[in-house]
C-alpha atoms as a PDB file:
ATOM      1  CA  ILE A   1      -0.004   0.010  -0.013  1.00  0.00           C
ATOM      2  CA  PHE A   2       2.874   2.245   0.713  1.00  0.00           C
ATOM      3  CA  GLU A   3       5.730   2.766  -1.896  1.00  0.00           C
ATOM      4  CA  ASN A   4       8.225   3.806   0.654  1.00  0.00           C
ATOM      5  CA  PRO A   5       8.925   4.197   4.352  1.00  0.00           C
ATOM      6  CA  LYS A   6       8.489   7.996   4.142  1.00  0.00           C
ATOM      7  CA  GLU A   7       4.885   7.518   2.896  1.00  0.00           C
ATOM      8  CA  ARG A   8       4.131   5.185   5.703  1.00  0.00           C
ATOM      9  CA  PHE A   9       5.648   7.630   8.210  1.00  0.00           C
ATOM     10  CA  ASP A  10       3.644  10.430   6.832  1.00  0.00           C
ATOM     11  CA  PHE A  11       0.508   8.349   7.031  1.00  0.00           C
ATOM     12  CA  TYR A  12       1.086   7.533  10.696  1.00  0.00           C
ATOM     13  CA  LYS A  13       1.826  11.240  11.512  1.00  0.00           C
ATOM     14  CA  GLN A  14      -1.615  12.162   9.900  1.00  0.00           C
ATOM     15  CA  LEU A  15      -3.257   9.184  11.681  1.00  0.00           C
ATOM     16  CA  GLY A  16      -1.936  10.591  15.004  1.00  0.00           C
ATOM     17  CA  LYS A  17      -3.561  13.879  14.319  1.00  0.00           C
ATOM     18  CA  GLN A  18      -6.946  12.295  13.408  1.00  0.00           C
ATOM     19  CA  ILE A  19      -7.127   9.361  15.793  1.00  0.00           C
ATOM     20  CA  ASN A  20      -9.763  10.996  17.976  1.00  0.00           C
ATOM     21  CA  LEU A  21     -12.149  11.075  15.070  1.00  0.00           C
ATOM     22  CA  PHE A  22     -12.655   7.206  15.274  1.00  0.00           C
ATOM     23  CA  SER A  23     -15.156   5.607  17.600  1.00  0.00           C
ATOM     24  CA  LYS A  24     -14.000   3.918  20.806  1.00  0.00           C
ATOM     25  CA  ASN A  25     -15.064   0.502  19.340  1.00  0.00           C
ATOM     26  CA  MET A  26     -13.157   1.003  16.195  1.00  0.00           C
ATOM     27  CA  LYS A  27      -9.973   2.048  18.077  1.00  0.00           C
ATOM     28  CA  LYS A  28     -10.348  -0.725  20.520  1.00  0.00           C
ATOM     29  CA  THR A  29     -11.078  -3.601  18.083  1.00  0.00           C
ATOM     30  CA  ILE A  30      -9.357  -2.478  14.827  1.00  0.00           C
ATOM     31  CA  ILE A  31      -6.894   0.353  14.984  1.00  0.00           C
ATOM     32  CA  ILE A  32      -5.080  -0.445  18.256  1.00  0.00           C
ATOM     33  CA  PRO A  33      -4.542  -4.098  17.332  1.00  0.00           C
ATOM     34  CA  LEU A  34      -3.277  -3.149  13.822  1.00  0.00           C
ATOM     35  CA  LEU A  35      -0.800  -0.511  15.331  1.00  0.00           C
ATOM     36  CA  ILE A  36       0.419  -3.076  17.768  1.00  0.00           C
ATOM     37  CA  LYS A  37       0.906  -5.603  14.989  1.00  0.00           C
ATOM     38  CA  GLU A  38       2.895  -2.971  12.930  1.00  0.00           C
ATOM     39  CA  CYS A  39       5.130  -2.376  16.045  1.00  0.00           C
ATOM     40  CA  LYS A  40       5.910  -6.035  16.189  1.00  0.00           C
ATOM     41  CA  GLU A  41       6.651  -6.248  12.426  1.00  0.00           C
ATOM     42  CA  CYS A  42       8.718  -3.180  12.047  1.00  0.00           C
ATOM     43  CA  THR A  43      10.049  -1.611  15.126  1.00  0.00           C
ATOM     44  CA  LYS A  44      11.449   1.461  13.188  1.00  0.00           C
ATOM     45  CA  PHE A  45       8.054   2.903  13.137  1.00  0.00           C
ATOM     46  CA  ALA A  46       7.317   2.129  16.933  1.00  0.00           C
ATOM     47  CA  PRO A  47       8.437   5.547  18.102  1.00  0.00           C
ATOM     48  CA  ILE A  48       5.525   7.200  16.230  1.00  0.00           C
ATOM     49  CA  LEU A  49       3.131   4.313  16.795  1.00  0.00           C
ATOM     50  CA  ILE A  50       3.547   4.234  20.614  1.00  0.00           C
ATOM     51  CA  GLY A  51       2.205   7.736  20.873  1.00  0.00           C
ATOM     52  CA  ILE A  52      -0.729   6.995  18.679  1.00  0.00           C
ATOM     53  CA  ILE A  53      -1.545   3.851  20.538  1.00  0.00           C
ATOM     54  CA  PHE A  54      -1.487   5.782  23.799  1.00  0.00           C
ATOM     55  CA  GLU A  55      -3.678   8.499  22.348  1.00  0.00           C
ATOM     56  CA  ALA A  56      -6.188   5.886  20.947  1.00  0.00           C
ATOM     57  CA  SER A  57      -6.208   3.997  24.351  1.00  0.00           C
ATOM     58  CA  LYS A  58      -7.308   7.103  26.280  1.00  0.00           C
ATOM     59  CA  THR A  59     -10.948   5.956  25.818  1.00  0.00           C
ATOM     60  CA  LEU A  60     -10.186   2.557  27.226  1.00  0.00           C
ATOM     61  CA  THR A  61     -10.604   1.565  30.991  1.00  0.00           C
ATOM     62  CA  ILE A  62      -7.505   1.109  33.036  1.00  0.00           C
ATOM     63  CA  GLU A  63      -8.176  -2.650  33.102  1.00  0.00           C
ATOM     64  CA  GLU A  64      -8.388  -2.758  29.295  1.00  0.00           C
ATOM     65  CA  PHE A  65      -5.156  -0.883  28.745  1.00  0.00           C
ATOM     66  CA  THR A  66      -3.364  -2.774  31.514  1.00  0.00           C
ATOM     67  CA  GLU A  67      -4.456  -6.228  30.512  1.00  0.00           C
ATOM     68  CA  LYS A  68      -4.872  -5.865  26.660  1.00  0.00           C
ATOM     69  CA  VAL A  69      -2.703  -3.177  25.208  1.00  0.00           C
ATOM     70  CA  PHE A  70       0.504  -2.488  27.226  1.00  0.00           C
ATOM     71  CA  PRO A  71       1.448  -6.255  27.539  1.00  0.00           C
ATOM     72  CA  GLU A  72       1.469  -6.321  23.720  1.00  0.00           C
ATOM     73  CA  ILE A  73       3.846  -3.348  23.469  1.00  0.00           C
ATOM     74  CA  ASN A  74       5.908  -3.925  26.597  1.00  0.00           C
ATOM     75  CA  PHE A  75       8.529  -5.915  24.546  1.00  0.00           C
ATOM     76  CA  LEU A  76       9.457  -2.626  22.973  1.00  0.00           C
ATOM     77  CA  VAL A  77      10.867  -1.252  26.237  1.00  0.00           C
ATOM     78  CA  LYS A  78      13.893  -3.547  25.926  1.00  0.00           C
ATOM     79  CA  ILE A  79      14.608  -2.642  22.335  1.00  0.00           C
ATOM     80  CA  ASN A  80      17.532  -0.259  21.811  1.00  0.00           C
ATOM     81  CA  GLU A  81      17.039   0.512  18.148  1.00  0.00           C
ATOM     82  CA  PRO A  82      15.894   3.033  17.328  1.00  0.00           C
ATOM     83  CA  PRO A  83      16.563   4.917  20.527  1.00  0.00           C
ATOM     84  CA  GLU A  84      13.501   6.986  19.955  1.00  0.00           C
ATOM     85  CA  ILE A  85      11.396   4.041  21.255  1.00  0.00           C
ATOM     86  CA  LEU A  86      12.440   4.850  24.878  1.00  0.00           C
ATOM     87  CA  PHE A  87      11.740   8.530  24.321  1.00  0.00           C
ATOM     88  CA  ALA A  88       8.237   7.659  23.120  1.00  0.00           C
ATOM     89  CA  PHE A  89       7.604   5.690  26.429  1.00  0.00           C
ATOM     90  CA  LEU A  90       9.154   8.501  28.511  1.00  0.00           C
ATOM     91  CA  HIS A  91       7.026  11.059  26.624  1.00  0.00           C
ATOM     92  CA  GLY A  92       3.976   9.163  27.598  1.00  0.00           C
ATOM     93  CA  ILE A  93       5.034   8.359  31.055  1.00  0.00           C
ATOM     94  CA  ASP A  94       2.140  10.390  32.724  1.00  0.00           C
ATOM     95  CA  PHE A  95      -0.258   8.494  30.643  1.00  0.00           C
ATOM     96  CA  LEU A  96       1.147   5.253  31.607  1.00  0.00           C
ATOM     97  CA  PHE A  97       0.934   6.076  35.440  1.00  0.00           C
ATOM     98  CA  MET A  98      -2.696   7.133  34.949  1.00  0.00           C
ATOM     99  CA  ASN A  99      -3.647   4.171  32.789  1.00  0.00           C
ATOM    100  CA  ILE A 100      -1.772   1.136  34.232  1.00  0.00           C
ATOM    101  CA  SER A 101      -3.403  -0.409  37.243  1.00  0.00           C
ATOM    102  CA  GLU A 102      -1.414   0.264  40.472  1.00  0.00           C
ATOM    103  CA  GLN A 103      -0.726  -3.449  40.796  1.00  0.00           C
ATOM    104  CA  LYS A 104       1.128  -3.533  37.674  1.00  0.00           C
ATOM    105  CA  GLN A 105       2.852  -0.175  37.722  1.00  0.00           C
ATOM    106  CA  VAL A 106       6.094  -1.512  39.340  1.00  0.00           C
ATOM    107  CA  GLU A 107       6.264  -4.363  36.746  1.00  0.00           C
ATOM    108  CA  TYR A 108       5.548  -2.259  33.748  1.00  0.00           C
ATOM    109  CA  ILE A 109       6.813   1.312  34.458  1.00  0.00           C
ATOM    110  CA  LEU A 110       9.916   0.709  36.540  1.00  0.00           C
ATOM    111  CA  PRO A 111      11.879  -0.985  33.787  1.00  0.00           C
ATOM    112  CA  ILE A 112      11.225   2.157  31.528  1.00  0.00           C
ATOM    113  CA  LEU A 113      12.611   4.529  34.302  1.00  0.00           C
ATOM    114  CA  ASN A 114      15.574   2.143  34.878  1.00  0.00           C
ATOM    115  CA  LEU A 115      16.947   2.238  31.400  1.00  0.00           C
END
Protein backbone atom coordinates (compact mmCIF):
# COMPACT_ATOMS: atom_id res chain seq x y z
CA ILE A 1 0.00 0.00 0.00
CA PHE A 2 2.95 2.35 0.67
CA GLU A 3 5.69 2.81 -1.90
CA ASN A 4 8.35 3.80 0.60
CA PRO A 5 8.95 4.25 4.34
CA LYS A 6 8.48 8.02 4.14
CA GLU A 7 4.92 7.58 2.85
CA ARG A 8 4.19 5.18 5.69
CA PHE A 9 5.67 7.57 8.25
CA ASP A 10 3.64 10.48 6.83
CA PHE A 11 0.50 8.35 7.01
CA TYR A 12 1.14 7.57 10.68
CA LYS A 13 1.74 11.25 11.44
CA GLN A 14 -1.63 12.11 9.90
CA LEU A 15 -3.31 9.21 11.68
CA GLY A 16 -1.98 10.53 14.99
CA LYS A 17 -3.62 13.88 14.31
CA GLN A 18 -6.95 12.28 13.36
CA ILE A 19 -7.13 9.32 15.77
CA ASN A 20 -9.79 10.92 17.96
CA LEU A 21 -12.22 11.05 15.05
CA PHE A 22 -12.66 7.29 15.27
CA SER A 23 -15.12 5.64 17.62
CA LYS A 24 -13.98 3.96 20.82
CA ASN A 25 -15.02 0.59 19.45
CA MET A 26 -13.14 1.05 16.17
CA LYS A 27 -9.99 2.12 18.05
CA LYS A 28 -10.29 -0.78 20.48
CA THR A 29 -11.07 -3.56 18.03
CA ILE A 30 -9.33 -2.50 14.81
CA ILE A 31 -6.89 0.39 15.05
CA ILE A 32 -4.99 -0.43 18.25
CA PRO A 33 -4.48 -4.10 17.30
CA LEU A 34 -3.24 -3.07 13.83
CA LEU A 35 -0.81 -0.54 15.30
CA ILE A 36 0.48 -3.12 17.77
CA LYS A 37 0.95 -5.59 14.91
CA GLU A 38 2.89 -2.96 12.99
CA CYS A 39 5.15 -2.37 16.02
CA LYS A 40 5.87 -6.09 16.17
CA GLU A 41 6.60 -6.35 12.46
CA CYS A 42 8.69 -3.20 12.05
CA THR A 43 10.10 -1.57 15.15
CA LYS A 44 11.49 1.40 13.23
CA PHE A 45 7.97 2.87 13.19
CA ALA A 46 7.38 2.12 16.88
CA PRO A 47 8.40 5.60 18.10
CA ILE A 48 5.51 7.25 16.27
CA LEU A 49 3.12 4.33 16.78
CA ILE A 50 3.54 4.24 20.57
CA GLY A 51 2.19 7.78 20.87
CA ILE A 52 -0.75 6.96 18.61
CA ILE A 53 -1.48 3.79 20.60
CA PHE A 54 -1.46 5.82 23.82
CA GLU A 55 -3.75 8.47 22.31
CA ALA A 56 -6.15 5.84 20.94
CA SER A 57 -6.14 4.09 24.33
CA LYS A 58 -7.36 7.14 26.22
CA THR A 59 -10.94 5.93 25.80
CA LEU A 60 -10.15 2.50 27.24
CA THR A 61 -10.56 1.58 30.88
CA ILE A 62 -7.50 1.12 33.05
CA GLU A 63 -8.17 -2.61 33.05
CA GLU A 64 -8.43 -2.78 29.25
CA PHE A 65 -5.17 -0.91 28.77
CA THR A 66 -3.34 -2.81 31.52
CA GLU A 67 -4.49 -6.26 30.41
CA LYS A 68 -4.86 -5.96 26.64
CA VAL A 69 -2.72 -3.14 25.26
CA PHE A 70 0.40 -2.58 27.33
CA PRO A 71 1.42 -6.26 27.57
CA GLU A 72 1.45 -6.33 23.76
CA ILE A 73 3.87 -3.39 23.45
CA ASN A 74 5.89 -3.98 26.61
CA PHE A 75 8.53 -5.89 24.62
CA LEU A 76 9.50 -2.59 22.99
CA VAL A 77 10.91 -1.30 26.28
CA LYS A 78 13.90 -3.62 25.86
CA ILE A 79 14.62 -2.64 22.26
CA ASN A 80 17.49 -0.19 21.83
CA GLU A 81 17.11 0.56 18.12
CA PRO A 82 15.80 3.00 17.30
CA PRO A 83 16.54 4.86 20.56
CA GLU A 84 13.47 7.02 20.01
CA ILE A 85 11.36 4.09 21.25
CA LEU A 86 12.45 4.81 24.82
CA PHE A 87 11.78 8.52 24.30
CA ALA A 88 8.24 7.69 23.18
CA PHE A 89 7.65 5.72 26.38
CA LEU A 90 9.15 8.49 28.49
CA HIS A 91 7.05 11.08 26.67
CA GLY A 92 3.95 9.07 27.60
CA ILE A 93 5.00 8.29 31.17
CA ASP A 94 2.20 10.39 32.72
CA PHE A 95 -0.32 8.54 30.57
CA LEU A 96 1.16 5.22 31.68
CA PHE A 97 0.94 6.11 35.37
CA MET A 98 -2.71 7.10 34.94
CA ASN A 99 -3.69 4.11 32.79
CA ILE A 100 -1.83 1.14 34.22
CA SER A 101 -3.34 -0.40 37.32
CA GLU A 102 -1.42 0.27 40.53
CA GLN A 103 -0.69 -3.45 40.93
CA LYS A 104 1.15 -3.50 37.58
CA GLN A 105 2.91 -0.13 37.70
CA VAL A 106 6.09 -1.43 39.30
CA GLU A 107 6.28 -4.33 36.85
CA TYR A 108 5.54 -2.27 33.74
CA ILE A 109 6.80 1.27 34.42
CA LEU A 110 9.91 0.73 36.56
CA PRO A 111 11.85 -0.95 33.70
CA ILE A 112 11.23 2.13 31.55
CA LEU A 113 12.61 4.42 34.22
CA ASN A 114 15.61 2.18 34.91
CA LEU A 115 16.92 2.27 31.34
